Protein backbone atom coordinates (compact mmCIF):
# COMPACT_ATOMS: atom_id res chain seq x y z
CA MET A 1 -1.04 -3.28 -30.03
CA ASP A 2 -0.89 0.02 -28.88
CA ALA A 3 2.75 1.03 -27.69
CA SER A 4 2.29 4.89 -27.25
CA LYS A 5 1.13 3.09 -23.68
CA GLN A 6 3.69 1.14 -22.62
CA PHE A 7 7.25 1.87 -20.84
CA CYS A 8 10.60 0.12 -20.84
CA PRO A 9 10.13 -2.38 -17.52
CA ASN A 10 14.34 -2.31 -17.64
CA VAL A 11 15.69 -0.56 -14.45
CA GLU A 12 18.81 0.30 -16.26
CA CYS A 13 17.18 2.21 -18.73
CA THR A 14 16.92 6.46 -18.74
CA SER A 15 13.59 6.12 -19.78
CA ARG A 16 12.64 3.39 -17.75
CA GLY A 17 8.49 3.63 -16.91
CA GLN A 18 8.27 6.89 -19.46
CA SER A 19 5.15 6.02 -21.10
CA GLY A 20 4.20 8.17 -24.61
CA GLN A 21 7.70 8.94 -24.89
CA GLY A 22 8.37 7.69 -28.47
CA ASN A 23 11.05 5.50 -27.43
CA ILE A 24 8.99 1.99 -27.40
CA VAL A 25 8.29 0.21 -30.93
CA SER A 26 6.63 -3.04 -31.49
CA HIS A 27 8.59 -5.68 -32.00
CA GLY A 28 6.70 -8.74 -32.91
CA MET A 29 3.00 -9.64 -33.62
CA LYS A 30 2.84 -13.68 -33.07
CA ARG A 31 4.38 -13.05 -29.63
CA PRO A 32 3.50 -9.88 -28.77
CA ARG A 33 6.88 -8.09 -27.27
CA TYR A 34 7.99 -4.29 -27.81
CA LYS A 35 11.57 -2.76 -28.10
CA CYS A 36 13.18 0.62 -26.37
CA LYS A 37 15.36 2.14 -28.18
CA THR A 38 16.48 3.94 -25.63
CA CYS A 39 18.55 0.79 -23.81
CA GLY A 40 17.60 -1.66 -27.25
CA LYS A 41 16.06 -3.90 -25.14
CA THR A 42 12.99 -6.18 -26.13
CA PHE A 43 10.42 -7.08 -23.05
CA SER A 44 6.91 -8.96 -23.47
CA ALA A 45 3.64 -7.21 -23.57
CA ARG A 46 2.91 -9.56 -19.98
CA ALA A 47 5.97 -7.40 -18.45
CA GLY A 48 5.31 -6.24 -15.25
CA THR A 49 2.14 -8.65 -14.83
CA ALA A 50 1.10 -11.37 -13.28
CA LEU A 51 0.88 -13.23 -16.67
CA GLU A 52 4.46 -13.04 -16.98
CA GLY A 53 6.16 -16.38 -17.73
CA ILE A 54 2.71 -18.03 -17.58
CA ARG A 55 2.53 -21.61 -20.52
CA LYS A 56 -0.89 -21.65 -19.54
CA PRO A 57 -3.64 -19.65 -21.51
CA GLU A 58 -4.42 -16.08 -19.99
CA ASP A 59 -8.06 -17.28 -19.73
CA PHE A 60 -6.79 -20.74 -17.61
CA PHE A 61 -5.21 -18.75 -15.40
CA VAL A 62 -7.34 -16.28 -14.66
CA ILE A 63 -9.95 -18.69 -14.02
CA VAL A 64 -7.79 -20.52 -11.32
CA ILE A 65 -7.43 -17.28 -9.68
CA LEU A 66 -10.50 -16.11 -9.33
CA LEU A 67 -11.92 -19.40 -7.62
CA LEU A 68 -8.54 -18.79 -5.18
CA ALA A 69 -10.51 -15.64 -4.87
CA TYR A 70 -13.50 -17.02 -3.97
CA GLY A 71 -12.45 -19.52 -1.58
CA CYS A 72 -11.76 -22.96 -3.43
CA PRO A 73 -9.82 -24.92 -1.98
CA THR A 74 -6.28 -26.08 -4.12
CA GLN A 75 -7.38 -30.15 -3.85
CA ALA A 76 -10.37 -29.19 -5.62
CA ILE A 77 -8.90 -26.84 -8.22
CA VAL A 78 -6.35 -29.94 -9.08
CA HIS A 79 -9.40 -32.43 -9.25
CA ALA A 80 -11.33 -30.15 -11.52
CA PHE A 81 -8.58 -29.24 -13.98
CA GLY A 82 -5.80 -31.96 -13.51
CA LEU A 83 -2.96 -29.77 -12.00
CA ASP A 84 -0.29 -30.35 -10.07
CA GLU A 85 -0.75 -28.57 -6.40
CA ARG A 86 2.05 -26.98 -6.61
CA THR A 87 1.60 -25.15 -9.63
CA VAL A 88 -1.79 -24.27 -8.06
CA THR A 89 0.06 -22.77 -4.74
CA SER A 90 2.95 -21.12 -6.91
CA TRP A 91 0.31 -19.27 -9.22
CA GLN A 92 -1.53 -17.60 -5.81
CA HIS A 93 2.11 -16.39 -4.96
CA ARG A 94 2.28 -15.18 -7.72
CA ALA A 95 -0.76 -13.50 -7.91
CA GLY A 96 -0.59 -12.59 -4.39
CA ARG A 97 2.78 -10.90 -4.83
CA HIS A 98 1.00 -8.52 -7.99
CA CYS A 99 -1.79 -7.50 -5.69
CA GLU A 100 0.95 -6.52 -2.49
CA LEU A 101 2.05 -4.37 -5.69
CA VAL A 102 -1.22 -2.87 -6.66
CA HIS A 103 -2.30 -1.93 -3.17
CA LYS A 104 1.22 0.20 -2.98
CA GLU A 105 0.75 1.86 -5.84
CA ILE A 106 -2.70 2.81 -5.19
CA VAL A 107 -3.57 2.37 -2.01
CA GLU A 108 -0.72 3.55 -0.36
CA ARG A 109 -0.16 6.97 -1.52
CA GLY A 110 -1.13 9.41 1.15
CA ILE A 111 -3.81 10.37 -0.41
CA LEU A 112 -7.01 9.13 1.23
CA ASP A 113 -8.95 11.03 4.19
CA LEU A 114 -9.62 7.50 6.65
CA MET A 115 -11.57 9.78 9.07
CA HIS A 116 -12.63 6.35 10.71
CA VAL A 117 -10.28 3.19 11.04
CA GLN A 118 -11.07 0.31 12.94
CA ALA A 119 -8.05 -2.82 13.18
CA ASP A 120 -8.56 -5.98 14.73
CA GLU A 121 -6.45 -9.33 14.54
CA ILE A 122 -7.09 -12.87 13.87
CA TRP A 123 -5.57 -16.34 14.38
CA ILE A 124 -4.76 -18.84 11.62
CA LYS A 125 -4.13 -22.06 12.31
CA MET A 126 -1.57 -23.40 10.03
CA ARG A 127 0.24 -27.08 10.08
CA GLY A 128 2.63 -26.88 13.28
CA ALA A 129 1.30 -23.34 13.91
CA VAL A 130 -0.47 -20.57 14.95
CA VAL A 131 0.09 -17.03 12.69
CA TRP A 132 -1.48 -13.78 13.58
CA VAL A 133 -3.12 -11.59 10.75
CA ALA A 134 -3.90 -8.27 11.67
CA LEU A 135 -6.34 -6.14 9.40
CA ALA A 136 -7.57 -2.36 8.94
CA ILE A 137 -10.20 -1.23 6.86
CA MET A 138 -11.30 2.50 6.32
CA VAL A 139 -15.29 2.37 7.95
CA PRO A 140 -16.75 5.26 5.46
CA THR A 141 -15.65 3.31 2.12
CA ARG A 142 -15.61 -0.16 3.52
CA LEU A 143 -12.01 -0.22 2.10
CA TRP A 144 -9.46 -2.63 3.65
CA ILE A 145 -6.06 -0.72 3.74
CA ALA A 146 -3.69 -2.52 5.86
CA GLY A 147 -2.60 -5.86 6.77
CA GLU A 148 0.22 -7.91 8.00
CA VAL A 149 1.34 -11.33 9.18
CA SER A 150 3.38 -12.27 11.95
CA LYS A 151 3.74 -15.21 14.38
CA LYS A 152 3.60 -13.70 17.21
CA ARG A 153 1.10 -10.96 18.50
CA ASP A 154 3.16 -8.18 19.72
CA SER A 155 3.86 -4.66 19.29
CA ASN A 156 5.86 -5.29 16.37
CA LEU A 157 2.79 -6.45 14.38
CA ILE A 158 0.73 -3.65 15.40
CA ASP A 159 3.80 -1.37 14.70
CA ARG A 160 4.31 -2.26 10.72
CA LEU A 161 -0.03 -2.25 10.69
CA MET A 162 -0.28 1.13 11.94
CA GLU A 163 2.97 2.69 10.03
CA GLN A 164 0.68 0.92 6.81
CA VAL A 165 -2.08 2.84 8.08
CA ARG A 166 -0.25 6.26 8.29
CA ARG A 167 1.29 5.98 4.41
CA CYS A 168 -2.51 5.66 3.15
CA CYS A 169 -3.79 8.73 5.45
CA LYS A 170 -3.36 12.48 4.22
CA ALA A 171 -1.19 14.11 6.58
CA MET A 172 -2.65 16.09 9.52
CA THR A 173 -5.89 14.98 8.49
CA ALA A 174 -8.56 14.26 11.80
CA ILE A 175 -9.36 10.69 12.01
CA LEU A 176 -10.43 8.12 14.83
CA ILE A 177 -9.22 4.67 15.27
CA CYS A 178 -10.94 1.75 17.06
CA THR A 179 -9.35 -1.02 19.00
CA ASP A 180 -9.97 -3.78 20.93
CA GLY A 181 -8.62 -4.22 24.56
CA PHE A 182 -5.19 -5.23 22.93
CA ALA A 183 -2.00 -2.88 25.26
CA ALA A 184 0.13 -2.15 21.75
CA TYR A 185 -2.46 -0.48 20.08
CA PRO A 186 -2.41 2.97 21.62
CA LYS A 187 1.23 3.51 21.79
CA SER A 188 1.85 2.06 18.09
CA ILE A 189 -0.87 4.60 16.94
CA LEU A 190 0.89 7.80 18.87
CA ARG A 191 4.15 6.60 17.67
CA ALA A 192 2.87 5.95 13.59
CA PHE A 193 0.97 9.10 13.64
CA ARG A 194 3.70 11.63 14.41
CA GLU A 195 5.34 14.72 12.58
CA LYS A 196 8.94 16.58 12.92
CA VAL A 197 8.45 20.08 14.51
CA LYS A 198 11.39 22.24 14.96
CA ASN A 199 12.71 23.23 18.35
CA PRO A 200 10.81 26.08 19.34
CA TYR A 201 14.04 27.28 20.99
CA GLY A 202 15.91 27.11 18.14
CA ILE A 203 18.64 25.01 19.86
CA GLY A 204 19.12 21.38 18.97
CA ALA A 205 17.47 19.05 16.68
CA SER A 206 13.59 18.99 15.60
CA ARG A 207 10.96 16.59 17.72
CA LYS A 208 8.11 14.00 16.59
CA GLU A 209 4.54 15.80 17.97
CA VAL A 210 1.32 13.96 17.90
CA TRP A 211 -1.02 14.97 15.24
CA PRO A 212 -3.62 17.05 16.82
CA ARG A 213 -6.56 15.07 15.86
CA VAL A 214 -5.83 12.08 16.07
CA TYR A 215 -8.54 9.94 18.52
CA ILE A 216 -8.07 6.32 20.00
CA GLY A 217 -11.46 4.66 20.95
CA THR A 218 -11.20 1.15 23.04
CA VAL A 219 -13.73 -1.68 22.51
CA ILE A 220 -13.79 -4.54 24.62
CA LYS A 221 -16.25 -7.67 24.92
CA TYR A 222 -16.80 -10.01 27.64
CA THR A 223 -18.11 -13.45 27.09
CA VAL A 224 -18.87 -16.53 28.85
CA LYS A 225 -19.63 -19.61 26.87
CA ARG A 226 -19.19 -17.43 23.84
CA ARG A 227 -21.55 -15.09 24.81
CA ILE A 228 -21.26 -11.43 24.88
CA ILE A 229 -22.72 -10.73 28.82
CA GLU A 230 -20.85 -6.91 28.97
CA ILE A 231 -19.34 -4.40 25.93
CA VAL A 232 -17.07 -1.76 28.21
CA ARG A 233 -16.09 1.68 25.98
CA TRP A 234 -13.92 4.27 26.81
CA MET A 235 -11.67 7.37 24.84
CA THR A 236 -7.90 6.11 25.10
CA HIS A 237 -6.18 9.10 23.48
CA GLY A 238 -8.40 12.67 22.69
CA GLN A 239 -11.91 13.68 23.75
CA TRP A 240 -15.30 12.22 23.03
CA ARG A 241 -17.09 15.00 22.16
CA LYS A 242 -14.75 15.56 19.04
CA ALA A 243 -14.62 11.62 18.46
CA LYS A 244 -18.12 11.57 18.31
CA LYS A 245 -18.33 14.23 15.22
CA LEU A 246 -15.81 12.08 13.20
CA LEU A 247 -18.22 8.82 14.08
CA LYS A 248 -21.31 10.50 12.73
CA SER A 249 -19.41 11.72 9.24
CA SER A 250 -18.56 8.53 8.60
CA LYS A 251 -21.63 6.63 9.51
CA GLY A 252 -20.18 4.24 11.47
CA GLY A 253 -23.19 3.96 14.27
CA LYS A 254 -23.72 6.32 17.27
CA LYS A 255 -20.70 4.67 19.81
CA LEU A 256 -17.50 2.95 19.59
CA ASN A 257 -17.14 -0.03 17.99
CA THR A 258 -15.74 -2.79 16.04
CA SER A 259 -18.41 -4.33 13.84
CA PHE A 260 -16.97 -3.44 10.28
CA ILE A 261 -13.25 -4.67 11.01
CA GLU A 262 -15.47 -7.98 12.37
CA ARG A 263 -17.47 -8.60 9.41
CA LEU A 264 -14.11 -7.57 7.73
CA ASN A 265 -12.99 -10.74 9.35
CA GLY A 266 -15.49 -12.66 8.43
CA THR A 267 -14.95 -11.70 4.56
CA PHE A 268 -11.52 -13.08 5.06
CA ARG A 269 -12.00 -16.34 6.73
CA GLU A 270 -14.63 -17.14 3.79
CA ARG A 271 -13.05 -16.23 0.63
CA LEU A 272 -9.37 -18.45 1.57
CA ALA A 273 -10.04 -21.85 3.01
CA SER A 274 -6.68 -21.46 4.99
CA PHE A 275 -8.22 -18.95 6.92
CA THR A 276 -11.41 -21.26 8.30
CA ARG A 277 -11.46 -22.10 11.96
CA LYS A 278 -12.04 -25.44 11.38
CA CYS A 279 -10.82 -27.25 7.98
CA ARG A 280 -8.27 -29.50 6.44
CA HIS A 281 -6.55 -27.13 4.10
CA ALA A 282 -4.40 -25.22 6.31
CA ALA A 283 -1.34 -23.68 4.95
CA SER A 284 2.16 -25.23 5.64
CA LYS A 285 3.90 -21.60 4.93
CA ILE A 286 3.64 -18.05 6.10
CA GLU A 287 3.97 -16.88 2.74
CA THR A 288 1.15 -18.89 1.71
CA VAL A 289 -1.37 -16.40 4.57
CA HIS A 290 1.08 -13.43 3.24
CA THR A 291 -0.21 -13.68 -0.48
CA GLY A 292 -3.55 -14.97 0.06
CA MET A 293 -4.33 -12.26 2.53
CA TYR A 294 -3.08 -9.71 -0.84
CA LEU A 295 -5.09 -11.46 -3.08
CA ILE A 296 -8.50 -11.81 -1.26
CA GLY A 297 -8.10 -8.02 -0.04
CA CYS A 298 -7.07 -6.58 -3.79
CA THR A 299 -9.78 -8.48 -5.01
CA TYR A 300 -12.54 -7.25 -2.12
CA ASN A 301 -11.53 -3.48 -2.42
CA PHE A 302 -11.21 -3.58 -6.71
CA CYS A 303 -13.36 -6.29 -8.42
CA PHE A 304 -16.24 -7.65 -6.28
CA ALA A 305 -19.23 -4.84 -5.29
CA HIS A 306 -19.84 -4.23 -1.64
CA HIS A 307 -23.84 -4.48 -1.57
CA GLU A 308 -24.07 -2.22 1.15
CA LEU A 309 -22.35 0.53 -0.71
CA SER A 310 -24.12 -0.39 -3.81
CA LYS A 311 -27.44 0.20 -2.28
CA SER A 312 -26.01 3.53 -0.76
CA GLN A 313 -25.48 4.43 -4.72
CA ALA A 314 -29.12 4.06 -5.35
CA LYS A 315 -30.25 6.40 -8.28
CA GLY A 316 -34.34 6.25 -9.25
CA GLY A 317 -34.99 3.39 -6.87
CA ARG A 318 -31.80 1.29 -8.50
CA GLY A 319 -28.35 0.24 -7.28
CA PHE A 320 -25.14 0.27 -9.49
CA PRO A 321 -22.23 -2.23 -8.53
CA CYS A 322 -19.90 -0.12 -6.43
CA THR A 323 -16.41 -1.28 -4.97
CA PRO A 324 -14.49 0.06 -1.77
CA ALA A 325 -12.23 1.55 -4.51
CA MET A 326 -14.54 3.23 -6.43
CA ALA A 327 -16.59 4.40 -2.86
CA SER A 328 -12.70 6.20 -2.30
CA GLY A 329 -12.07 7.55 -5.80
CA LEU A 330 -9.80 5.37 -6.43
CA THR A 331 -11.17 3.79 -9.61
CA ASP A 332 -13.87 4.76 -12.11
CA HIS A 333 -15.48 1.09 -12.37
CA VAL A 334 -15.95 -2.35 -11.28
CA TRP A 335 -12.24 -4.35 -11.81
CA SER A 336 -12.26 -7.53 -13.51
CA VAL A 337 -9.77 -10.01 -12.46
CA ARG A 338 -8.28 -9.97 -15.43
CA GLU A 339 -7.47 -5.99 -15.37
CA LEU A 340 -6.40 -6.10 -11.99
CA LEU A 341 -4.00 -9.23 -12.78
CA THR A 342 -2.92 -7.45 -16.15
CA TYR A 343 -2.42 -3.81 -14.30
CA LYS A 344 1.07 -2.83 -14.82
CA ILE A 345 3.23 -0.94 -12.29
CA ALA A 346 6.15 1.22 -14.11
CA PRO A 347 9.20 0.90 -11.67
CA PRO A 348 10.73 3.94 -10.40
CA PRO A 349 12.67 6.63 -11.73
CA LEU A 350 16.33 6.54 -12.16
CA PRO A 351 18.02 7.89 -9.57
CA ILE A 352 20.67 11.11 -10.31
CA PRO A 353 23.61 9.57 -9.37
CA LYS A 354 25.89 10.68 -6.66
CA LYS A 355 28.99 12.35 -6.78
CA ARG A 356 31.78 10.14 -5.56
CA GLY A 357 35.16 11.30 -3.51
CA ARG A 358 35.30 13.81 -0.79
CA PRO A 359 34.21 17.18 -1.41
CA CYS A 360 36.87 20.29 -2.89
CA THR A 361 37.39 22.07 0.45
CA LYS A 362 40.54 24.21 -0.84
CA GLN A 363 40.40 27.69 -1.51
CA PRO A 364 41.22 28.97 -5.16
CA LYS A 365 44.46 30.61 -5.62
CA ILE A 366 44.02 34.59 -5.84
CA THR A 367 46.19 35.57 -8.72
CA SER A 368 48.20 39.01 -8.41
CA LEU A 369 46.26 42.23 -9.82
CA PRO A 370 48.03 43.76 -12.65
CA LYS A 371 50.80 46.58 -11.70
CA LYS A 372 49.53 49.92 -11.66
CA PRO A 373 51.69 52.64 -13.65
CA VAL A 374 52.46 55.76 -10.93
CA VAL A 375 53.66 58.82 -12.14
CA ARG A 376 56.39 60.65 -10.05
CA MET A 377 58.54 63.73 -10.14
CA ARG A 378 62.52 63.17 -10.74
CA LYS A 379 64.27 66.44 -11.30
CA GLY A 380 61.14 68.30 -12.98
CA VAL A 381 60.83 65.73 -15.35
CA LEU A 382 57.66 63.57 -15.10
CA CYS A 383 58.32 59.31 -15.19
CA ALA A 384 55.93 56.80 -15.06
CA SER A 385 57.14 53.49 -12.75
CA THR A 386 55.28 50.66 -11.86
CA VAL A 387 54.44 49.14 -8.24
């Protein structure tokens, strides 16, 4: 047990989230626990992971989550391992919530040069309802960067999706976003990719301006009896001459397309039983769709090697496993599912307390200056007096 790599998860501790400070010591070997000398609280070695509070063996929990990540239905796991269906569902929610935190911690840091992004929505059939799942992918590295779930396919769904894409992107970089013909996309993209600029006249509040190198491409496919008969492409925002350079640099094809996000949609439908179009494993709660989306997305990004990326990284005629996170520079090796589930996320640092009460507006009193002696002449005699 290496206590130097641990940090205190207590949100009320002044040393929370800080590792290597010497405040964490071992507090038991049979049940691995640690103690913080700053706040005096003890915590388990599983604190901050998806395994916290699990009474089953770790290997058993990881195997169940791995099966869920590969699209195994919940009913099959129940019959194979003799678990209760509610237990499997709660484990999936637990793993999905942890994967959401990992995604926000690693991907949504604003350090990615996205260059080329594709976005699309898919509908998911639930028990007695239909929900929409909006997804976005970074084309150069095939990294899944954003996902939102909503009961309606409206502008609010697209706004949240584009805000999530914005949190992943470096500020003021060139970016091409390809979408389908949904009318909410252009306005949502322009609202998300804005920066505050001072008023050039020096009067009034600052205003928001769209990034100068944001390009929006629209692709609409017309079908008859599920067969594509025509594809229409045009630039909704920006010049095609400049967007073509980004398309070539990202290796996203020679024309505007949405093929990469459509392949990702197929991956999500394949690896999550409730995402399948015609199945008997429809989800009953929207939370199941939300947590399942993050579970599939994070395992796709960190744990499963991508076939095309592995071929492009070939050395000496042989390729080596490469995940989208590795191609994006976020990780340096292929994570195991256990490594993903045991990844610890440090709590934010303790905020500085604000001063309460009204600020002091009274001017300090000026004390009277000491009186200076004044020399005067009285009847030919010098006399000293004070003024």
